[in-house]
Protein backbone atom coordinates (compact mmCIF):
# COMPACT_ATOMS: atom_id res chain seq x y z
CA MET A 1 4.95 11.61 14.36
CA VAL A 2 4.81 10.11 10.86
CA THR A 3 1.26 9.48 9.61
CA GLU A 4 -0.07 6.55 7.59
CA SER A 5 -0.61 8.83 4.61
CA GLU A 6 3.04 9.96 4.73
CA VAL A 7 4.27 6.36 4.90
CA ARG A 8 2.19 5.30 1.91
CA GLN A 9 3.24 8.38 -0.08
CA ALA A 10 6.87 7.52 0.70
CA VAL A 11 6.36 3.99 -0.64
CA ALA A 12 4.65 5.30 -3.79
CA GLY A 13 7.45 7.79 -4.40
CA ALA A 14 10.32 5.44 -3.54
CA ARG A 15 13.21 5.68 -5.96
CA THR A 16 14.57 2.32 -4.80
CA VAL A 17 12.17 -0.30 -3.48
CA VAL A 18 12.77 -3.86 -2.26
CA VAL A 19 9.87 -6.27 -2.74
CA LYS A 20 9.86 -9.66 -1.02
CA VAL A 21 7.55 -12.48 -2.09
CA GLY A 22 7.22 -15.80 -0.28
CA SER A 23 7.01 -19.35 -1.56
CA SER A 24 3.34 -19.74 -0.69
CA SER A 25 2.51 -16.74 -2.90
CA LEU A 26 4.18 -18.29 -5.96
CA THR A 27 3.23 -21.97 -5.81
CA LYS A 28 0.22 -24.22 -6.01
CA PRO A 29 -0.56 -26.66 -3.18
CA SER A 30 0.97 -29.40 -5.33
CA GLY A 31 4.35 -27.68 -5.08
CA HIS A 32 4.49 -26.51 -8.70
CA LEU A 33 5.00 -22.89 -9.61
CA ASP A 34 1.78 -20.95 -10.12
CA THR A 35 2.65 -19.06 -13.30
CA GLY A 36 -0.52 -17.00 -13.10
CA ARG A 37 0.46 -15.56 -9.72
CA LEU A 38 4.04 -15.04 -10.83
CA ASN A 39 2.98 -13.21 -13.99
CA ALA A 40 0.61 -10.96 -12.03
CA LEU A 41 3.41 -10.03 -9.64
CA VAL A 42 5.82 -9.34 -12.48
CA ALA A 43 3.26 -7.07 -14.17
CA ALA A 44 3.02 -4.95 -11.00
CA LEU A 45 6.78 -4.76 -10.57
CA SER A 46 7.34 -3.96 -14.24
CA ALA A 47 4.83 -1.11 -14.01
CA ALA A 48 6.81 0.36 -11.12
CA ALA A 49 10.07 -0.08 -13.03
CA THR A 50 8.58 1.58 -16.10
CA GLU A 51 7.64 4.56 -13.93
CA GLY A 52 11.30 4.95 -12.96
CA ALA A 53 11.56 2.96 -9.72
CA ARG A 54 14.67 0.88 -9.09
CA VAL A 55 13.18 -2.48 -8.06
CA VAL A 56 14.89 -5.31 -6.21
CA LEU A 57 12.89 -8.54 -5.92
CA VAL A 58 13.72 -10.89 -3.05
CA SER A 59 12.01 -14.09 -4.09
CA SER A 60 11.58 -17.35 -2.24
CA GLY A 61 10.40 -20.37 -4.14
CA ALA A 62 13.45 -22.36 -5.25
CA ILE A 63 12.75 -25.38 -3.04
CA ALA A 64 8.99 -25.02 -3.46
CA ALA A 65 9.40 -24.90 -7.24
CA GLY A 66 11.65 -27.95 -7.27
CA PHE A 67 10.04 -30.54 -5.02
CA GLY A 68 6.94 -31.01 -7.19
CA PRO A 69 8.82 -31.74 -10.45
CA LEU A 70 11.17 -34.06 -8.54
CA GLY A 71 8.20 -36.15 -7.40
CA PHE A 72 8.08 -35.20 -3.72
CA ALA A 73 4.64 -34.82 -2.19
CA SER A 74 5.81 -32.09 0.20
CA ARG A 75 8.84 -29.99 1.04
CA PRO A 76 11.83 -32.22 1.93
CA THR A 77 13.04 -31.98 5.52
CA ASP A 78 16.65 -33.19 5.28
CA VAL A 79 19.28 -30.62 4.31
CA ALA A 80 20.87 -32.56 1.43
CA THR A 81 17.55 -33.12 -0.35
CA GLN A 82 16.51 -29.50 0.24
CA GLN A 83 19.77 -28.32 -1.32
CA ALA A 84 19.37 -30.60 -4.33
CA THR A 85 15.74 -29.54 -4.74
CA ALA A 86 16.76 -25.88 -4.59
CA ALA A 87 19.33 -26.44 -7.33
CA VAL A 88 16.57 -27.76 -9.62
CA GLY A 89 13.93 -25.27 -8.52
CA GLN A 90 16.07 -22.13 -8.79
CA GLY A 91 16.54 -22.68 -12.52
CA LEU A 92 12.83 -23.23 -13.03
CA LEU A 93 12.04 -20.11 -11.00
CA MET A 94 14.47 -17.87 -12.89
CA ALA A 95 13.31 -19.16 -16.28
CA GLN A 96 9.77 -18.08 -15.42
CA TYR A 97 10.93 -14.69 -14.15
CA GLU A 98 13.06 -14.01 -17.23
CA ALA A 99 10.20 -14.83 -19.56
CA ALA A 100 7.66 -12.83 -17.55
CA PHE A 101 9.78 -9.69 -17.17
CA GLY A 102 10.95 -10.02 -20.77
CA ARG A 103 7.40 -9.46 -21.99
CA PHE A 104 7.64 -5.95 -20.50
CA GLY A 105 11.13 -5.31 -21.84
CA VAL A 106 12.68 -5.53 -18.35
CA ARG A 107 16.01 -7.28 -17.82
CA VAL A 108 16.64 -9.35 -14.71
CA GLY A 109 19.74 -10.65 -12.98
CA GLN A 110 20.09 -13.44 -10.45
CA ILE A 111 21.84 -12.86 -7.12
CA LEU A 112 22.17 -15.82 -4.73
CA ILE A 113 23.36 -14.84 -1.26
CA THR A 114 24.50 -16.83 1.76
CA ALA A 115 24.52 -15.46 5.30
CA GLU A 116 28.32 -15.42 5.10
CA ASP A 117 28.06 -12.80 2.36
CA THR A 118 26.55 -10.32 4.82
CA ILE A 119 28.71 -11.28 7.80
CA ARG A 120 32.16 -10.58 6.36
CA PRO A 121 32.85 -6.93 5.43
CA GLN A 122 34.48 -7.68 2.07
CA GLN A 123 31.67 -9.91 0.85
CA TYR A 124 29.12 -7.38 2.08
CA ARG A 125 30.78 -4.65 0.00
CA ASN A 126 30.87 -6.97 -3.01
CA VAL A 127 27.12 -7.61 -2.73
CA GLN A 128 26.47 -3.89 -2.29
CA ARG A 129 28.57 -2.99 -5.33
CA THR A 130 27.00 -5.63 -7.59
CA LEU A 131 23.43 -4.77 -6.64
CA GLY A 132 24.11 -1.08 -7.07
CA ARG A 133 25.55 -1.57 -10.52
CA LEU A 134 22.65 -3.77 -11.64
CA LEU A 135 20.20 -1.09 -10.56
CA ASP A 136 22.22 1.59 -12.35
CA LEU A 137 21.96 -0.51 -15.52
CA GLY A 138 18.18 -0.70 -15.21
CA VAL A 139 18.19 -4.38 -14.27
CA VAL A 140 15.81 -5.88 -11.69
CA PRO A 141 17.99 -8.01 -9.38
CA ILE A 142 16.21 -11.16 -8.23
CA VAL A 143 17.71 -12.14 -4.88
CA ASN A 144 17.35 -15.43 -3.03
CA GLU A 145 19.27 -17.23 -0.35
CA ASN A 146 21.66 -19.73 -1.91
CA ASP A 147 19.75 -22.74 -0.60
CA SER A 148 21.92 -25.15 -2.56
CA LEU A 149 24.99 -24.17 -0.53
CA ALA A 150 23.64 -22.75 2.74
CA SER A 151 23.68 -25.01 5.78
CA ASN A 152 21.32 -24.97 8.74
CA GLU A 153 24.20 -23.85 10.96
CA ILE A 154 24.62 -20.52 9.18
CA ARG A 155 21.76 -19.23 7.07
CA PHE A 156 19.09 -16.57 7.03
CA GLY A 157 16.43 -19.25 7.40
CA ASP A 158 13.82 -17.17 5.62
CA ASN A 159 13.82 -14.40 3.04
CA ASP A 160 11.98 -11.92 5.26
CA ARG A 161 15.12 -11.11 7.21
CA LEU A 162 17.15 -11.22 4.01
CA SER A 163 14.83 -8.66 2.38
CA ALA A 164 15.32 -6.22 5.27
CA LEU A 165 19.09 -6.62 5.03
CA VAL A 166 18.98 -6.14 1.25
CA ALA A 167 16.92 -2.98 1.80
CA ASN A 168 19.79 -1.72 3.94
CA ILE A 169 22.43 -2.81 1.44
CA VAL A 170 20.84 -0.92 -1.48
CA ARG A 171 19.75 2.03 0.69
CA ALA A 172 16.13 1.38 -0.28
CA ASP A 173 13.46 4.03 0.21
CA ALA A 174 10.76 1.41 0.89
CA LEU A 175 10.23 -2.29 1.62
CA VAL A 176 7.15 -4.23 0.51
CA LEU A 177 6.58 -7.65 2.11
CA LEU A 178 4.18 -9.86 0.16
CA THR A 179 2.67 -12.89 1.85
CA ASP A 180 -0.46 -15.07 1.78
CA VAL A 181 -2.50 -12.84 4.14
CA ASP A 182 -3.71 -9.38 3.23
CA ALA A 183 -2.44 -7.57 6.35
CA LEU A 184 -1.28 -7.82 9.94
CA TYR A 185 -4.03 -8.80 12.39
CA THR A 186 -4.22 -8.67 16.18
CA ALA A 187 -4.39 -12.47 16.09
CA PRO A 188 -4.50 -15.12 13.33
CA PRO A 189 -7.36 -14.05 10.98
CA SER A 190 -9.16 -17.37 11.55
CA GLU A 191 -9.63 -16.55 15.25
CA SER A 192 -12.80 -14.76 16.35
CA GLY A 193 -12.28 -11.18 17.38
CA SER A 194 -9.16 -10.80 15.25
CA ARG A 195 -8.85 -7.27 13.89
CA ARG A 196 -6.93 -5.97 10.89
CA ILE A 197 -4.23 -3.41 11.67
CA GLY A 198 -3.92 -0.82 8.90
CA PHE A 199 -1.09 1.28 10.33
CA VAL A 200 1.70 0.65 12.81
CA PRO A 201 3.42 3.85 13.99
CA ASN A 202 5.93 1.93 16.14
CA VAL A 203 6.49 -1.74 15.32
CA VAL A 204 8.68 -2.25 18.39
CA GLU A 205 5.75 -1.39 20.69
CA THR A 206 3.15 -3.21 18.56
CA LEU A 207 4.99 -6.53 18.80
CA VAL A 208 3.90 -6.72 22.44
CA ASP A 209 0.18 -6.64 21.58
CA VAL A 210 0.02 -8.95 18.57
CA THR A 211 -0.31 -12.74 18.55
CA VAL A 212 1.50 -14.24 15.55
CA THR A 213 2.28 -17.70 14.27
CA GLY A 214 4.78 -19.53 12.09
CA PRO A 215 4.22 -20.79 8.54
CA THR A 216 1.13 -22.84 7.79
CA SER A 217 1.37 -23.40 4.04
CA GLY A 218 3.94 -26.19 4.12
CA VAL A 219 6.03 -24.61 1.36
CA GLY A 220 7.63 -21.70 3.20
CA THR A 221 9.92 -21.24 6.19
CA GLY A 222 8.78 -17.92 7.63
CA GLY A 223 5.42 -16.84 8.97
CA MET A 224 4.15 -13.59 10.46
CA VAL A 225 6.86 -13.67 13.14
CA THR A 226 9.64 -13.26 10.60
CA LYS A 227 7.73 -10.62 8.64
CA LEU A 228 7.29 -8.52 11.76
CA GLU A 229 10.99 -8.90 12.49
CA ALA A 230 11.78 -7.73 8.95
CA ALA A 231 9.45 -4.76 9.44
CA ARG A 232 11.21 -3.98 12.72
CA VAL A 233 14.65 -4.05 11.11
CA ALA A 234 13.39 -1.79 8.33
CA ALA A 235 11.65 0.58 10.75
CA VAL A 236 14.69 1.11 12.96
CA SER A 237 16.73 1.55 9.78
CA GLY A 238 14.49 4.42 8.69
CA ILE A 239 12.73 2.47 5.91
CA PRO A 240 8.91 2.62 5.53
CA THR A 241 7.33 -0.81 4.98
CA VAL A 242 4.06 -2.24 3.71
CA LEU A 243 2.92 -5.79 4.46
CA THR A 244 0.16 -7.27 2.29
CA CYS A 245 -0.75 -10.20 0.03
CA ALA A 246 0.89 -10.73 -3.35
CA SER A 247 -2.28 -9.83 -5.24
CA ASN A 248 -2.06 -6.35 -3.71
CA ALA A 249 1.47 -5.71 -4.96
CA GLY A 250 0.40 -3.12 -7.51
CA PRO A 251 -1.83 -1.09 -5.16
CA ALA A 252 0.80 -1.28 -2.40
CA LEU A 253 3.48 0.14 -4.68
CA MET A 254 1.11 2.92 -5.75
CA GLY A 255 0.46 3.96 -2.15
CA ASP A 256 -3.11 2.68 -1.92
CA PRO A 257 -4.43 1.89 1.61
CA VAL A 258 -3.95 -1.88 1.39
CA GLY A 259 -2.31 -4.19 3.90
CA THR A 260 -0.44 -2.78 6.89
CA ALA A 261 1.89 0.21 6.70
CA PHE A 262 4.81 0.43 9.16
CA ALA A 263 6.31 3.82 9.92
CA PRO A 264 10.09 4.21 10.32
CA VAL A 265 11.00 4.81 13.96
CA LYS A 266 14.49 6.22 13.43
CA GLN A 267 16.38 8.31 10.92
CA ARG A 268 18.44 6.26 8.50
CA GLY A 269 21.94 5.52 9.74
CA SER A 270 25.09 5.05 7.71
CA SER A 271 25.39 1.89 5.63
CA ARG A 272 28.33 0.79 7.76
CA ARG A 273 26.44 1.14 11.03
CA LEU A 274 23.38 -0.60 9.59
CA TRP A 275 25.62 -3.50 8.59
CA ILE A 276 27.08 -3.73 12.10
CA GLY A 277 23.63 -3.56 13.67
CA PHE A 278 21.73 -6.04 11.53
CA ALA A 279 23.80 -7.97 9.01
CA ALA A 280 26.91 -8.78 10.99
CA GLU A 281 26.65 -11.99 13.03
CA PRO A 282 28.73 -11.62 16.21
CA ARG A 283 31.62 -14.06 16.55
CA GLY A 284 32.18 -13.56 20.28
CA THR A 285 31.32 -11.49 23.35
CA ILE A 286 33.02 -8.88 25.53
CA VAL A 287 31.48 -8.64 29.01
CA VAL A 288 31.69 -5.22 30.69
CA ASP A 289 31.24 -3.85 34.21
CA GLU A 290 28.44 -1.57 35.35
CA GLY A 291 30.33 1.65 34.61
CA ALA A 292 31.22 0.61 31.08
CA ALA A 293 27.66 -0.62 30.50
CA THR A 294 26.31 2.80 31.46
CA ALA A 295 28.80 4.50 29.13
CA VAL A 296 27.93 2.19 26.24
CA ARG A 297 24.20 2.75 26.78
CA GLY A 298 24.87 6.48 26.49
CA GLY A 299 25.73 5.90 22.85
CA ARG A 300 28.78 8.16 22.65
CA ALA A 301 31.56 6.22 24.35
CA SER A 302 34.09 3.73 23.05
CA LEU A 303 34.53 0.48 24.94
CA LEU A 304 37.83 0.68 26.82
CA ALA A 305 39.76 -2.22 28.29
CA ALA A 306 39.41 -0.69 31.77
CA GLY A 307 35.71 -1.50 31.80
CA ALA A 308 35.94 -5.00 30.33
CA LEU A 309 35.67 -8.07 32.55
CA GLU A 310 35.76 -11.09 30.23
CA VAL A 311 36.08 -12.15 26.62
CA ARG A 312 34.24 -15.15 25.15
CA GLY A 313 34.59 -16.87 21.81
CA ALA A 314 37.28 -16.78 19.15
CA PHE A 315 37.41 -13.82 16.77
CA SER A 316 39.83 -11.60 14.90
CA ALA A 317 40.24 -7.85 14.90
CA GLY A 318 37.50 -6.38 12.73
CA ASP A 319 35.03 -9.19 13.45
CA PRO A 320 31.60 -8.30 14.90
CA VAL A 321 31.13 -9.02 18.62
CA TRP A 322 28.45 -8.63 21.26
CA VAL A 323 28.99 -6.23 24.14
CA ASP A 324 27.14 -7.68 27.18
CA ASP A 325 26.62 -6.48 30.73
CA GLU A 326 27.35 -8.75 33.69
CA SER A 327 23.83 -10.22 33.62
CA GLY A 328 24.29 -11.38 30.02
CA THR A 329 22.08 -8.71 28.42
CA HIS A 330 23.18 -7.63 24.95
CA LEU A 331 23.96 -3.91 25.00
CA ALA A 332 25.48 -3.41 21.57
CA ARG A 333 27.15 -4.94 18.57
CA GLY A 334 30.54 -3.71 17.52
CA LEU A 335 33.67 -4.46 15.54
CA ALA A 336 36.50 -5.76 17.70
CA GLY A 337 39.69 -3.73 17.74
CA PHE A 338 41.82 -6.73 18.72
CA ASP A 339 41.98 -10.51 18.29
CA SER A 340 40.22 -12.44 21.06
CA GLU A 341 43.49 -13.96 22.32
CA GLU A 342 44.99 -10.48 22.81
CA ILE A 343 42.20 -9.13 24.99
CA PRO A 344 42.60 -11.17 28.25
CA GLN A 345 45.90 -9.43 29.06
CA MET A 346 44.21 -6.06 28.50
CA LEU A 347 41.16 -6.56 30.75
CA GLY A 348 40.73 -3.94 33.46
CA ARG A 349 43.77 -1.91 32.46
CA THR A 350 43.72 1.81 31.84
CA THR A 351 45.12 3.36 28.69
CA THR A 352 48.22 4.46 30.61
CA GLN A 353 48.79 0.94 31.93
CA LEU A 354 48.33 -0.55 28.46
CA LYS A 355 51.01 1.78 27.08
CA ARG A 356 53.41 0.99 29.92
CA PHE A 357 53.05 -2.79 30.05
CA LEU A 358 51.97 -3.84 26.55
CA GLY A 359 53.04 -1.03 24.25
CA GLU A 360 51.54 1.86 22.33
CA GLU A 361 49.73 -0.44 19.88
CA TYR A 362 47.48 -1.68 22.70
CA ALA A 363 46.46 1.78 23.94
CA HIS A 364 43.26 1.80 21.87
CA PRO A 365 39.59 0.95 22.56
CA LEU A 366 38.48 -2.66 22.44
CA VAL A 367 35.59 -1.35 20.31
CA HIS A 368 35.68 2.22 18.96
CA ARG A 369 32.48 4.22 19.32
CA ASP A 370 32.28 4.63 15.51
CA ASN A 371 32.04 0.85 15.27
CA LEU A 372 29.53 0.39 18.11
CA VAL A 373 25.76 0.11 17.54
CA LEU A 374 23.29 -0.12 20.40
CA VAL A 375 20.72 -2.91 20.34
C-alpha cells in the first residue's frame, strides 16, 4: 500500500503537475480580483517551474473577476449574463497572470476549453498536442472552461473535474487542488466534532464516510463534492493528489504535510483508455443480457451482438456509449463499433449469423475490448 510520505514525495518530485485554483481563492467578497492572493500563488508556481517542473494552471475566476467591474453585486444567474461577464473577466484575469508570471521570467499561454473539446476524439487530440507543445516550450498553460461559449446543457460545470481531465491529457505526475479550506474534513469544519483528514489511501472508500457540501462563497460553482470527485478521477488514473488552501500552494508542491494527500488506487492506464473512461461523454446506451454483463465485468471480453438486447440514443461509430445491464446499471464506457441505426438488426445474432445475413462487415464486436473501460 502507498504511504502518505510516498504520495507527498511523488508530488514534490513531479515532472508535470496540474494545479487547480478556484474563484473564491482569487477574489475578494466584492467580486474583484484579489491581486495579493494571485501574486502569492504565482510566486509558488514560478518557484516550481524554476526548479524544472512543467506546470499547468487550471484557473477559475473569469466570471468572478468580471461581475464586480460590470457593477453586479453578486454572480449573475442567467446564462447570457454569465457568458458576457466571463468575456470581460477572462481578459482581466489573464492580464494579471501575465504580469505576475512575467516578474519571474515565466511565459504563460491561455487555453479555453469546452466540454465538447474532450468529448470528440479529434478535439481531444488537438488539446493534448497544444498543451504538450506549450509545456515543451517552457510555457505555463493557464486553462479555464470557455464560459463565454459553454452552455448549461454541455459543460464541465466546475474546474475541479476539468483539472482531473487535464491531468490525464498531459499525463501529469501530480494534481494539486487549491480551495478555500485547508484540507478535507470528516464534516464541514464549522461543525463540532469535525476532524481533519491528512491522508486518504483510497478515496473511493473514503467518500462513504465523509459529509461534504456545495459551494458557500457565492463566487464559485464547485464545493468539496466536486473536489473529491476530481481526486477520485485522479486516483483511479494513477495520479497522486493534494487538496489544500491556496496559501499552502508552495508547501504542497514541496511535499510538506499540508492539506490532504490522496493516494493513487490504480496504475496509470493508456491516454486513450483514460479518455474513454473519464473525458468522453456517452452519446447512447447498449443494454446487455446477464451473460454479456458477466463477460464485460471480467474486463477482457469484447461486447458482441449476441449478448446485446437493446440500443438507446443516436450515435455514430466511434462515439462513446454506455454499456448497461438489464437493471440499468452502468457497467462500462466504450466506443461504438457501429452507428446506432445499424445495431437493432444485429441484436442477439452470433458472429456466424451476422456474416450470413448481413455480410462480413457486420461480423465485428459492437464494442471492442480495447475500447471498453469498466466503471
